Amino acid sequence: MSFLEWIQEGEKVFGANFTDDILFSKLLTFVLSNRIKDKSKLIILGSRSLPGLNYLHKNLENKFETIERKIVYFACDDEIMHKRWMKRENKIISLLSFRELLRKDTNMGVCEISESADILFENTVMLDDQSLVSKAKIFGIY
């Protein structure tokens, strides 16, 4: 069973928020572990769905005091993403195959996230962690 088939089967059985419920459960366990002192500084990375982000935010607000939400979107050229993906995953695929992976992300709702972003970064150069923190501080998100 592929990942997509697993998600579709889970949504049939448990409802449209199947994966969001799993993510929220894991996130809540992490937050309640007290490893995060300031709950307002929580950062969620890698979401592919605006409804999923909204779901997580709403449920976090139900558990804790008001949590300010800012959506930060990192935009990048397909060719740069392709190179980074191959390096990170230690796999070699064609740019055409990689663009097919991106199309799946688009179908999941990534474009909705970019259109709703409070802050948009053009991520076309490699930055070290400290540079990213500095940029985040400028926008009041770190």
N, C-alpha and C. Protein backbone atom coordinates (compact mmCIF):
# COMPACT_ATOMS: atom_id res chain seq x y z
N MET A 1 0.85 -1.18 0.00
CA MET A 1 0.00 0.00 0.00
C MET A 1 0.90 1.24 0.00
N SER A 2 0.63 2.16 -0.91
CA SER A 2 1.41 3.40 -0.97
C SER A 2 0.98 4.34 0.15
N PHE A 3 1.78 5.37 0.38
CA PHE A 3 1.45 6.37 1.40
C PHE A 3 0.11 7.03 1.08
N LEU A 4 -0.09 7.40 -0.18
CA LEU A 4 -1.33 8.03 -0.58
C LEU A 4 -2.53 7.10 -0.35
N GLU A 5 -2.36 5.82 -0.69
CA GLU A 5 -3.44 4.85 -0.46
C GLU A 5 -3.74 4.70 1.03
N TRP A 6 -2.69 4.73 1.86
CA TRP A 6 -2.86 4.63 3.31
C TRP A 6 -3.67 5.82 3.83
N ILE A 7 -3.34 7.02 3.33
CA ILE A 7 -4.08 8.22 3.73
C ILE A 7 -5.54 8.11 3.30
N GLN A 8 -5.76 7.73 2.04
CA GLN A 8 -7.13 7.63 1.53
C GLN A 8 -7.95 6.60 2.33
N GLU A 9 -7.33 5.48 2.65
CA GLU A 9 -8.02 4.45 3.44
C GLU A 9 -8.33 4.97 4.84
N GLY A 10 -7.35 5.65 5.44
CA GLY A 10 -7.57 6.23 6.77
C GLY A 10 -8.67 7.26 6.78
N GLU A 11 -8.75 8.09 5.73
CA GLU A 11 -9.81 9.09 5.64
C GLU A 11 -11.18 8.45 5.47
N LYS A 12 -11.23 7.33 4.76
CA LYS A 12 -12.51 6.62 4.61
C LYS A 12 -13.00 6.12 5.97
N VAL A 13 -12.08 5.59 6.76
CA VAL A 13 -12.44 4.98 8.04
C VAL A 13 -12.62 6.03 9.14
N PHE A 14 -11.68 7.00 9.22
CA PHE A 14 -11.64 7.93 10.36
C PHE A 14 -12.08 9.34 10.04
N GLY A 15 -12.31 9.67 8.77
CA GLY A 15 -12.75 11.00 8.40
C GLY A 15 -11.65 11.85 7.77
N ALA A 16 -12.07 13.02 7.28
CA ALA A 16 -11.18 13.89 6.50
C ALA A 16 -9.97 14.38 7.27
N ASN A 17 -10.07 14.44 8.60
CA ASN A 17 -8.95 14.94 9.40
C ASN A 17 -8.08 13.83 9.97
N PHE A 18 -8.08 12.69 9.32
CA PHE A 18 -7.31 11.53 9.76
C PHE A 18 -5.85 11.87 10.05
N THR A 19 -5.13 12.42 9.07
CA THR A 19 -3.72 12.72 9.28
C THR A 19 -3.54 13.92 10.20
N ASP A 20 -4.47 14.89 10.14
CA ASP A 20 -4.38 16.06 11.02
C ASP A 20 -4.51 15.62 12.48
N ASP A 21 -5.39 14.65 12.75
CA ASP A 21 -5.54 14.13 14.12
C ASP A 21 -4.26 13.46 14.60
N ILE A 22 -3.61 12.72 13.72
CA ILE A 22 -2.34 12.07 14.08
C ILE A 22 -1.29 13.13 14.39
N LEU A 23 -1.17 14.12 13.51
CA LEU A 23 -0.20 15.19 13.73
C LEU A 23 -0.49 15.95 15.01
N PHE A 24 -1.77 16.26 15.26
CA PHE A 24 -2.12 17.01 16.47
C PHE A 24 -1.79 16.20 17.71
N SER A 25 -2.07 14.92 17.69
CA SER A 25 -1.77 14.06 18.84
C SER A 25 -0.27 14.06 19.15
N LYS A 26 0.55 13.91 18.11
CA LYS A 26 2.01 13.92 18.30
C LYS A 26 2.49 15.29 18.76
N LEU A 27 1.93 16.35 18.17
CA LEU A 27 2.30 17.71 18.54
C LEU A 27 1.92 17.99 19.99
N LEU A 28 0.75 17.60 20.38
CA LEU A 28 0.28 17.82 21.75
C LEU A 28 1.17 17.07 22.75
N THR A 29 1.51 15.84 22.44
CA THR A 29 2.41 15.07 23.32
C THR A 29 3.73 15.80 23.48
N PHE A 30 4.27 16.32 22.38
CA PHE A 30 5.54 17.04 22.43
C PHE A 30 5.41 18.32 23.26
N VAL A 31 4.36 19.10 23.01
CA VAL A 31 4.17 20.36 23.73
C VAL A 31 3.98 20.10 25.22
N LEU A 32 3.21 19.09 25.57
CA LEU A 32 2.96 18.78 26.98
C LEU A 32 4.16 18.17 27.68
N SER A 33 5.16 17.76 26.94
CA SER A 33 6.36 17.18 27.55
C SER A 33 7.20 18.25 28.25
N ASN A 34 6.78 19.51 28.14
CA ASN A 34 7.46 20.65 28.76
C ASN A 34 8.83 20.94 28.18
N ARG A 35 9.11 20.38 27.01
CA ARG A 35 10.36 20.75 26.34
C ARG A 35 10.23 22.11 25.69
N ILE A 36 8.99 22.58 25.56
CA ILE A 36 8.74 23.91 25.01
C ILE A 36 8.24 24.79 26.14
N LYS A 37 9.05 25.75 26.53
CA LYS A 37 8.68 26.64 27.64
C LYS A 37 7.63 27.66 27.21
N ASP A 38 7.84 28.27 26.06
CA ASP A 38 6.94 29.30 25.55
C ASP A 38 6.11 28.72 24.42
N LYS A 39 4.88 28.35 24.73
CA LYS A 39 4.01 27.69 23.76
C LYS A 39 3.70 28.58 22.56
N SER A 40 3.89 29.90 22.69
CA SER A 40 3.61 30.80 21.57
C SER A 40 4.72 30.77 20.53
N LYS A 41 5.82 30.09 20.81
CA LYS A 41 6.96 30.03 19.88
C LYS A 41 6.99 28.72 19.11
N LEU A 42 5.90 28.03 19.04
CA LEU A 42 5.82 26.76 18.35
C LEU A 42 5.87 26.97 16.84
N ILE A 43 6.72 26.20 16.17
CA ILE A 43 6.84 26.29 14.72
C ILE A 43 6.51 24.93 14.12
N ILE A 44 5.61 24.92 13.16
CA ILE A 44 5.23 23.69 12.46
C ILE A 44 5.79 23.79 11.05
N LEU A 45 6.59 22.82 10.68
CA LEU A 45 7.24 22.84 9.38
C LEU A 45 6.70 21.74 8.48
N GLY A 46 6.71 22.00 7.18
CA GLY A 46 6.46 20.96 6.21
C GLY A 46 5.01 20.66 5.90
N SER A 47 4.09 21.45 6.41
CA SER A 47 2.69 21.18 6.12
C SER A 47 2.40 21.41 4.64
N ARG A 48 1.54 20.59 4.08
CA ARG A 48 1.18 20.70 2.67
C ARG A 48 -0.26 21.15 2.48
N SER A 49 -0.93 21.53 3.58
CA SER A 49 -2.35 21.79 3.48
C SER A 49 -2.76 22.95 4.40
N LEU A 50 -3.38 23.99 3.83
CA LEU A 50 -3.89 25.09 4.64
C LEU A 50 -5.00 24.62 5.59
N PRO A 51 -5.95 23.80 5.14
CA PRO A 51 -6.93 23.29 6.11
C PRO A 51 -6.27 22.53 7.26
N GLY A 52 -5.19 21.81 6.96
CA GLY A 52 -4.46 21.09 8.01
C GLY A 52 -3.83 22.04 9.00
N LEU A 53 -3.22 23.13 8.51
CA LEU A 53 -2.65 24.14 9.41
C LEU A 53 -3.74 24.79 10.26
N ASN A 54 -4.87 25.11 9.63
CA ASN A 54 -5.98 25.71 10.36
C ASN A 54 -6.49 24.77 11.45
N TYR A 55 -6.58 23.49 11.13
CA TYR A 55 -7.03 22.47 12.08
C TYR A 55 -6.08 22.41 13.28
N LEU A 56 -4.78 22.36 13.01
CA LEU A 56 -3.79 22.31 14.10
C LEU A 56 -3.88 23.57 14.96
N HIS A 57 -3.97 24.72 14.33
CA HIS A 57 -4.04 25.98 15.08
C HIS A 57 -5.28 26.03 15.96
N LYS A 58 -6.43 25.69 15.39
CA LYS A 58 -7.68 25.72 16.15
C LYS A 58 -7.60 24.79 17.37
N ASN A 59 -7.09 23.58 17.17
CA ASN A 59 -7.02 22.62 18.26
C ASN A 59 -5.97 23.00 19.30
N LEU A 60 -4.88 23.63 18.88
CA LEU A 60 -3.90 24.13 19.85
C LEU A 60 -4.49 25.25 20.69
N GLU A 61 -5.25 26.14 20.04
CA GLU A 61 -5.89 27.23 20.79
C GLU A 61 -6.91 26.69 21.78
N ASN A 62 -7.56 25.57 21.46
CA ASN A 62 -8.51 24.98 22.40
C ASN A 62 -7.81 24.43 23.64
N LYS A 63 -6.55 24.05 23.52
CA LYS A 63 -5.80 23.46 24.63
C LYS A 63 -5.01 24.49 25.43
N PHE A 64 -4.59 25.56 24.77
CA PHE A 64 -3.72 26.55 25.40
C PHE A 64 -4.30 27.94 25.19
N GLU A 65 -3.63 28.93 25.77
CA GLU A 65 -4.06 30.31 25.57
C GLU A 65 -3.95 30.65 24.08
N THR A 66 -4.44 31.80 23.73
CA THR A 66 -4.41 32.22 22.33
C THR A 66 -2.99 32.12 21.78
N ILE A 67 -2.86 31.47 20.68
CA ILE A 67 -1.58 31.30 20.02
C ILE A 67 -1.63 32.07 18.71
N GLU A 68 -0.71 33.04 18.59
CA GLU A 68 -0.66 33.81 17.36
C GLU A 68 -0.18 32.91 16.23
N ARG A 69 -0.83 33.03 15.11
CA ARG A 69 -0.46 32.20 13.95
C ARG A 69 0.09 33.08 12.85
N LYS A 70 1.25 32.73 12.37
CA LYS A 70 1.83 33.36 11.19
C LYS A 70 2.24 32.24 10.26
N ILE A 71 1.91 32.41 9.00
CA ILE A 71 2.31 31.42 8.01
C ILE A 71 3.51 31.99 7.24
N VAL A 72 4.59 31.23 7.26
CA VAL A 72 5.79 31.60 6.54
C VAL A 72 5.96 30.58 5.43
N TYR A 73 6.11 31.06 4.22
CA TYR A 73 6.24 30.18 3.07
C TYR A 73 7.60 30.40 2.41
N PHE A 74 8.30 29.31 2.17
CA PHE A 74 9.59 29.36 1.51
C PHE A 74 9.39 28.93 0.06
N ALA A 75 9.59 29.87 -0.86
CA ALA A 75 9.46 29.58 -2.29
C ALA A 75 10.85 29.30 -2.85
N CYS A 76 10.89 28.42 -3.82
CA CYS A 76 12.18 28.06 -4.39
C CYS A 76 11.97 27.55 -5.82
N ASP A 77 12.94 27.79 -6.65
CA ASP A 77 12.95 27.32 -8.03
C ASP A 77 12.95 25.78 -8.05
N ASP A 78 12.23 25.19 -8.99
CA ASP A 78 12.15 23.72 -9.09
C ASP A 78 13.53 23.06 -9.19
N GLU A 79 14.41 23.66 -9.97
CA GLU A 79 15.73 23.06 -10.18
C GLU A 79 16.56 23.05 -8.89
N ILE A 80 16.46 24.11 -8.12
CA ILE A 80 17.18 24.16 -6.84
C ILE A 80 16.57 23.15 -5.87
N MET A 81 15.24 23.12 -5.80
CA MET A 81 14.59 22.13 -4.93
C MET A 81 14.98 20.71 -5.32
N HIS A 82 15.04 20.46 -6.62
CA HIS A 82 15.40 19.14 -7.13
C HIS A 82 16.80 18.75 -6.63
N LYS A 83 17.76 19.63 -6.75
CA LYS A 83 19.12 19.35 -6.28
C LYS A 83 19.15 19.11 -4.78
N ARG A 84 18.44 19.94 -4.02
CA ARG A 84 18.41 19.79 -2.56
C ARG A 84 17.73 18.47 -2.16
N TRP A 85 16.65 18.15 -2.85
CA TRP A 85 15.92 16.92 -2.55
C TRP A 85 16.82 15.70 -2.78
N MET A 86 17.52 15.67 -3.91
CA MET A 86 18.40 14.52 -4.20
C MET A 86 19.50 14.40 -3.14
N LYS A 87 20.04 15.53 -2.73
CA LYS A 87 21.09 15.50 -1.70
C LYS A 87 20.52 15.01 -0.36
N ARG A 88 19.37 15.54 0.03
CA ARG A 88 18.76 15.18 1.31
C ARG A 88 18.33 13.72 1.34
N GLU A 89 17.71 13.26 0.25
CA GLU A 89 17.18 11.90 0.19
C GLU A 89 18.22 10.87 -0.27
N ASN A 90 19.37 11.39 -0.72
CA ASN A 90 20.44 10.53 -1.24
C ASN A 90 19.91 9.63 -2.37
N LYS A 91 19.14 10.26 -3.28
CA LYS A 91 18.57 9.56 -4.44
C LYS A 91 18.78 10.44 -5.66
N ILE A 92 18.82 9.79 -6.81
CA ILE A 92 18.93 10.52 -8.07
C ILE A 92 17.67 10.24 -8.89
N ILE A 93 16.95 11.32 -9.23
CA ILE A 93 15.79 11.21 -10.11
C ILE A 93 15.86 12.35 -11.11
N SER A 94 15.16 12.19 -12.20
CA SER A 94 15.15 13.25 -13.23
C SER A 94 14.36 14.45 -12.73
N LEU A 95 14.64 15.60 -13.31
CA LEU A 95 13.89 16.80 -12.98
C LEU A 95 12.41 16.60 -13.31
N LEU A 96 12.11 15.91 -14.39
CA LEU A 96 10.73 15.63 -14.76
C LEU A 96 10.02 14.81 -13.68
N SER A 97 10.69 13.77 -13.16
CA SER A 97 10.11 12.95 -12.09
C SER A 97 9.92 13.78 -10.83
N PHE A 98 10.88 14.64 -10.54
CA PHE A 98 10.77 15.49 -9.36
C PHE A 98 9.58 16.44 -9.49
N ARG A 99 9.40 16.97 -10.68
CA ARG A 99 8.25 17.87 -10.89
C ARG A 99 6.92 17.14 -10.70
N GLU A 100 6.90 15.85 -10.98
CA GLU A 100 5.70 15.04 -10.71
C GLU A 100 5.45 14.97 -9.20
N LEU A 101 6.51 14.83 -8.40
CA LEU A 101 6.37 14.87 -6.94
C LEU A 101 5.81 16.22 -6.50
N LEU A 102 6.32 17.29 -7.09
CA LEU A 102 5.83 18.63 -6.76
C LEU A 102 4.36 18.80 -7.12
N ARG A 103 3.95 18.19 -8.24
CA ARG A 103 2.54 18.27 -8.65
C ARG A 103 1.64 17.66 -7.59
N LYS A 104 2.11 16.58 -6.97
CA LYS A 104 1.33 15.96 -5.89
C LYS A 104 1.20 16.91 -4.71
N ASP A 105 2.28 17.64 -4.38
CA ASP A 105 2.21 18.63 -3.30
C ASP A 105 1.21 19.73 -3.65
N THR A 106 1.24 20.16 -4.92
CA THR A 106 0.31 21.19 -5.37
C THR A 106 -1.13 20.69 -5.21
N ASN A 107 -1.37 19.44 -5.55
CA ASN A 107 -2.71 18.86 -5.41
C ASN A 107 -3.14 18.78 -3.95
N MET A 108 -2.17 18.67 -3.04
CA MET A 108 -2.49 18.60 -1.62
C MET A 108 -2.82 19.98 -1.05
N GLY A 109 -2.46 21.06 -1.74
CA GLY A 109 -2.84 22.39 -1.29
C GLY A 109 -1.70 23.33 -0.96
N VAL A 110 -0.49 23.02 -1.40
CA VAL A 110 0.65 23.90 -1.12
C VAL A 110 0.42 25.31 -1.65
N CYS A 111 -0.23 25.43 -2.80
CA CYS A 111 -0.47 26.76 -3.37
C CYS A 111 -1.36 27.61 -2.45
N GLU A 112 -2.33 26.98 -1.81
CA GLU A 112 -3.18 27.70 -0.85
C GLU A 112 -2.35 28.27 0.28
N ILE A 113 -1.35 27.52 0.72
CA ILE A 113 -0.49 28.00 1.81
C ILE A 113 0.30 29.20 1.34
N SER A 114 0.89 29.13 0.15
CA SER A 114 1.69 30.25 -0.34
C SER A 114 0.84 31.50 -0.51
N GLU A 115 -0.39 31.33 -0.96
CA GLU A 115 -1.28 32.48 -1.18
C GLU A 115 -1.76 33.09 0.14
N SER A 116 -1.74 32.30 1.22
CA SER A 116 -2.19 32.78 2.53
C SER A 116 -1.05 33.18 3.45
N ALA A 117 0.17 33.10 2.95
CA ALA A 117 1.34 33.35 3.79
C ALA A 117 1.40 34.80 4.26
N ASP A 118 1.77 34.96 5.53
CA ASP A 118 2.02 36.29 6.08
C ASP A 118 3.40 36.79 5.62
N ILE A 119 4.32 35.84 5.45
CA ILE A 119 5.68 36.16 5.06
C ILE A 119 6.11 35.17 3.99
N LEU A 120 6.72 35.67 2.93
CA LEU A 120 7.21 34.82 1.85
C LEU A 120 8.71 35.01 1.71
N PHE A 121 9.45 33.91 1.83
CA PHE A 121 10.90 33.94 1.61
C PHE A 121 11.19 33.33 0.26
N GLU A 122 12.02 33.99 -0.52
CA GLU A 122 12.55 33.40 -1.74
C GLU A 122 13.80 32.64 -1.31
N ASN A 123 13.71 31.35 -1.26
CA ASN A 123 14.77 30.50 -0.72
C ASN A 123 15.64 29.97 -1.86
N THR A 124 16.46 30.85 -2.41
CA THR A 124 17.25 30.46 -3.57
C THR A 124 18.74 30.31 -3.25
N VAL A 125 19.11 30.58 -2.02
CA VAL A 125 20.51 30.39 -1.61
C VAL A 125 20.52 29.57 -0.32
N MET A 126 21.60 28.87 -0.09
CA MET A 126 21.72 28.10 1.13
C MET A 126 22.10 29.04 2.27
N LEU A 127 21.34 29.00 3.35
CA LEU A 127 21.65 29.82 4.52
C LEU A 127 21.92 28.90 5.70
N ASP A 128 22.84 29.32 6.56
CA ASP A 128 23.07 28.53 7.75
C ASP A 128 21.96 28.81 8.76
N ASP A 129 21.88 28.02 9.82
CA ASP A 129 20.81 28.16 10.81
C ASP A 129 20.76 29.56 11.41
N GLN A 130 21.92 30.13 11.71
CA GLN A 130 21.95 31.46 12.33
C GLN A 130 21.39 32.53 11.40
N SER A 131 21.65 32.41 10.11
CA SER A 131 21.10 33.37 9.14
C SER A 131 19.58 33.28 9.09
N LEU A 132 19.06 32.05 9.15
CA LEU A 132 17.61 31.88 9.16
C LEU A 132 16.99 32.47 10.42
N VAL A 133 17.64 32.26 11.56
CA VAL A 133 17.14 32.82 12.82
C VAL A 133 17.14 34.34 12.74
N SER A 134 18.20 34.92 12.20
CA SER A 134 18.28 36.38 12.06
C SER A 134 17.15 36.90 11.19
N LYS A 135 16.89 36.25 10.06
CA LYS A 135 15.79 36.67 9.20
C LYS A 135 14.44 36.53 9.92
N ALA A 136 14.27 35.44 10.64
CA ALA A 136 13.01 35.21 11.37
C ALA A 136 12.80 36.30 12.42
N LYS A 137 13.86 36.72 13.09
CA LYS A 137 13.74 37.78 14.11
C LYS A 137 13.29 39.09 13.49
N ILE A 138 13.78 39.39 12.29
CA ILE A 138 13.38 40.62 11.60
C ILE A 138 11.86 40.67 11.45
N PHE A 139 11.25 39.54 11.16
CA PHE A 139 9.79 39.48 10.95
C PHE A 139 9.02 39.16 12.21
N GLY A 140 9.72 39.07 13.34
CA GLY A 140 9.04 38.82 14.62
C GLY A 140 8.48 37.44 14.75
N ILE A 141 9.10 36.45 14.09
CA ILE A 141 8.58 35.08 14.17
C ILE A 141 9.53 34.16 14.90
N TYR A 142 10.55 34.72 15.55
CA TYR A 142 11.45 33.89 16.34
C TYR A 142 11.85 34.65 17.58
